[in-house]
Each structure stands twice: as C-alpha cells, then as structure tokens.
Amino acid sequence: MNKVLKLIFNNSKGKTSVITLHNPKSVDADTAKAAMQKIIDANIFDNAEINPYATIVGAKYYETQSTPIFDAE
C-alpha cells in the first residue's frame, strides 16, 4: 500500500494548491499545521502574480493499493 500526505493550501487568488509528500511519517494536526505555516512564512516561491501557498486549508493522508494482474516473465 502506498501512502502520501497532501498539504492543501489556497493560493492568493483563492484556488487550491497542493504539496504531495510520498512515504510520509505519521504526524498530528498541530505538527502538520506548524509545517504548513513555515512554508507560508518562508515565502520562497518567486511568482509576482500569485502566492501559491497563501493560506492553510488542511492536510490529508491518502493510501492506495495496487493489485497485480500478471507479471511478464
């Protein structure tokens, strides 16, 4: 099973921006919020028109499972 953590933000124009982290550690809500706030505060994305990570929306874990049909030999 593959697990990802999606950090969900709104950009400065109100549209959704997502950062996807593969194979994340388990974190609680406070830790996720603190990390997301650091991303916002760092303001390292150089785009004069839009700040891609302006406000926090939420964070979610997603798990996917694959079932092989066959393996080529």
C-alpha atoms as a PDB file:
ATOM      1  CA  MET A   1       0.000   0.000   0.000  1.00  0.00           C
ATOM      2  CA  ASN A   2       1.335   3.432  -0.963  1.00  0.00           C
ATOM      3  CA  LYS A   3       0.788   6.358   1.381  1.00  0.00           C
ATOM      4  CA  VAL A   4       1.031  10.079   0.627  1.00  0.00           C
ATOM      5  CA  LEU A   5       0.391  13.194   2.669  1.00  0.00           C
ATOM      6  CA  LYS A   6      -1.236  16.078   0.838  1.00  0.00           C
ATOM      7  CA  LEU A   7      -0.786  19.562   2.263  1.00  0.00           C
ATOM      8  CA  ILE A   8      -3.631  21.670   0.921  1.00  0.00           C
ATOM      9  CA  PHE A   9      -3.438  25.453   0.625  1.00  0.00           C
ATOM     10  CA  ASN A  10      -5.320  28.230  -1.097  1.00  0.00           C
ATOM     11  CA  ASN A  11      -3.245  30.480  -3.294  1.00  0.00           C
ATOM     12  CA  SER A  12      -3.569  34.254  -3.179  1.00  0.00           C
ATOM     13  CA  LYS A  13      -6.350  34.105  -5.783  1.00  0.00           C
ATOM     14  CA  GLY A  14      -8.420  31.570  -3.831  1.00  0.00           C
ATOM     15  CA  LYS A  15      -7.582  28.479  -5.882  1.00  0.00           C
ATOM     16  CA  THR A  16      -6.294  25.256  -4.367  1.00  0.00           C
ATOM     17  CA  SER A  17      -2.573  24.411  -4.325  1.00  0.00           C
ATOM     18  CA  VAL A  18      -1.320  21.054  -3.066  1.00  0.00           C
ATOM     19  CA  ILE A  19       2.062  19.747  -1.971  1.00  0.00           C
ATOM     20  CA  THR A  20       2.220  15.939  -2.084  1.00  0.00           C
ATOM     21  CA  LEU A  21       4.727  14.120   0.132  1.00  0.00           C
ATOM     22  CA  HIS A  22       5.423  10.470  -0.616  1.00  0.00           C
ATOM     23  CA  ASN A  23       6.133   7.959   2.186  1.00  0.00           C
ATOM     24  CA  PRO A  24       5.484  10.462   4.989  1.00  0.00           C
ATOM     25  CA  LYS A  25       5.924   9.923   8.687  1.00  0.00           C
ATOM     26  CA  SER A  26       2.764   9.976  10.765  1.00  0.00           C
ATOM     27  CA  VAL A  27       2.097  13.456  12.095  1.00  0.00           C
ATOM     28  CA  ASP A  28      -0.667  15.002  14.144  1.00  0.00           C
ATOM     29  CA  ALA A  29      -2.711  18.071  13.206  1.00  0.00           C
ATOM     30  CA  ASP A  30      -0.561  20.507  15.192  1.00  0.00           C
ATOM     31  CA  THR A  31       2.648  19.286  13.546  1.00  0.00           C
ATOM     32  CA  ALA A  32       1.134  19.475  10.061  1.00  0.00           C
ATOM     33  CA  LYS A  33      -0.210  22.997  10.687  1.00  0.00           C
ATOM     34  CA  ALA A  34       3.155  24.171  12.024  1.00  0.00           C
ATOM     35  CA  ALA A  35       4.994  22.788   8.984  1.00  0.00           C
ATOM     36  CA  MET A  36       2.483  24.362   6.611  1.00  0.00           C
ATOM     37  CA  GLN A  37       2.782  27.717   8.378  1.00  0.00           C
ATOM     38  CA  LYS A  38       6.574  27.541   7.939  1.00  0.00           C
ATOM     39  CA  ILE A  39       6.057  27.077   4.196  1.00  0.00           C
ATOM     40  CA  ILE A  40       3.829  30.151   4.114  1.00  0.00           C
ATOM     41  CA  ASP A  41       6.192  32.224   6.275  1.00  0.00           C
ATOM     42  CA  ALA A  42       9.272  31.290   4.214  1.00  0.00           C
ATOM     43  CA  ASN A  43       7.722  32.931   1.134  1.00  0.00           C
ATOM     44  CA  ILE A  44      10.314  31.245  -1.088  1.00  0.00           C
ATOM     45  CA  PHE A  45       8.225  30.925  -4.237  1.00  0.00           C
ATOM     46  CA  ASP A  46       9.069  33.703  -6.665  1.00  0.00           C
ATOM     47  CA  ASN A  47       5.921  34.486  -8.567  1.00  0.00           C
ATOM     48  CA  ALA A  48       4.937  38.151  -8.662  1.00  0.00           C
ATOM     49  CA  GLU A  49       1.383  37.384  -9.744  1.00  0.00           C
ATOM     50  CA  ILE A  50       0.317  34.612  -7.363  1.00  0.00           C
ATOM     51  CA  ASN A  51       1.464  33.338  -3.987  1.00  0.00           C
ATOM     52  CA  PRO A  52       0.854  29.588  -4.423  1.00  0.00           C
ATOM     53  CA  TYR A  53       0.712  28.926  -0.676  1.00  0.00           C
ATOM     54  CA  ALA A  54      -1.157  31.836   0.913  1.00  0.00           C
ATOM     55  CA  THR A  55      -3.474  30.153   3.431  1.00  0.00           C
ATOM     56  CA  ILE A  56      -3.852  26.726   5.020  1.00  0.00           C
ATOM     57  CA  VAL A  57      -6.847  24.616   4.024  1.00  0.00           C
ATOM     58  CA  GLY A  58      -5.934  21.228   5.516  1.00  0.00           C
ATOM     59  CA  ALA A  59      -3.840  18.082   5.313  1.00  0.00           C
ATOM     60  CA  LYS A  60      -4.903  14.567   4.384  1.00  0.00           C
ATOM     61  CA  TYR A  61      -3.323  11.148   4.151  1.00  0.00           C
ATOM     62  CA  TYR A  62      -4.154   9.130   1.059  1.00  0.00           C
ATOM     63  CA  GLU A  63      -3.491   5.406   0.764  1.00  0.00           C
ATOM     64  CA  THR A  64      -3.604   3.456  -2.475  1.00  0.00           C
ATOM     65  CA  GLN A  65      -3.278  -0.230  -3.060  1.00  0.00           C
ATOM     66  CA  SER A  66      -2.350  -1.938  -6.289  1.00  0.00           C
ATOM     67  CA  THR A  67      -3.324  -5.465  -7.238  1.00  0.00           C
ATOM     68  CA  PRO A  68      -1.154  -7.037  -9.933  1.00  0.00           C
ATOM     69  CA  ILE A  69      -2.950  -8.767 -12.788  1.00  0.00           C
ATOM     70  CA  PHE A  70       0.168 -10.528 -14.079  1.00  0.00           C
ATOM     71  CA  ASP A  71       3.955 -10.185 -14.244  1.00  0.00           C
ATOM     72  CA  ALA A  72       5.749 -10.593 -17.575  1.00  0.00           C
ATOM     73  CA  GLU A  73       8.364 -13.280 -17.475  1.00  0.00           C
END
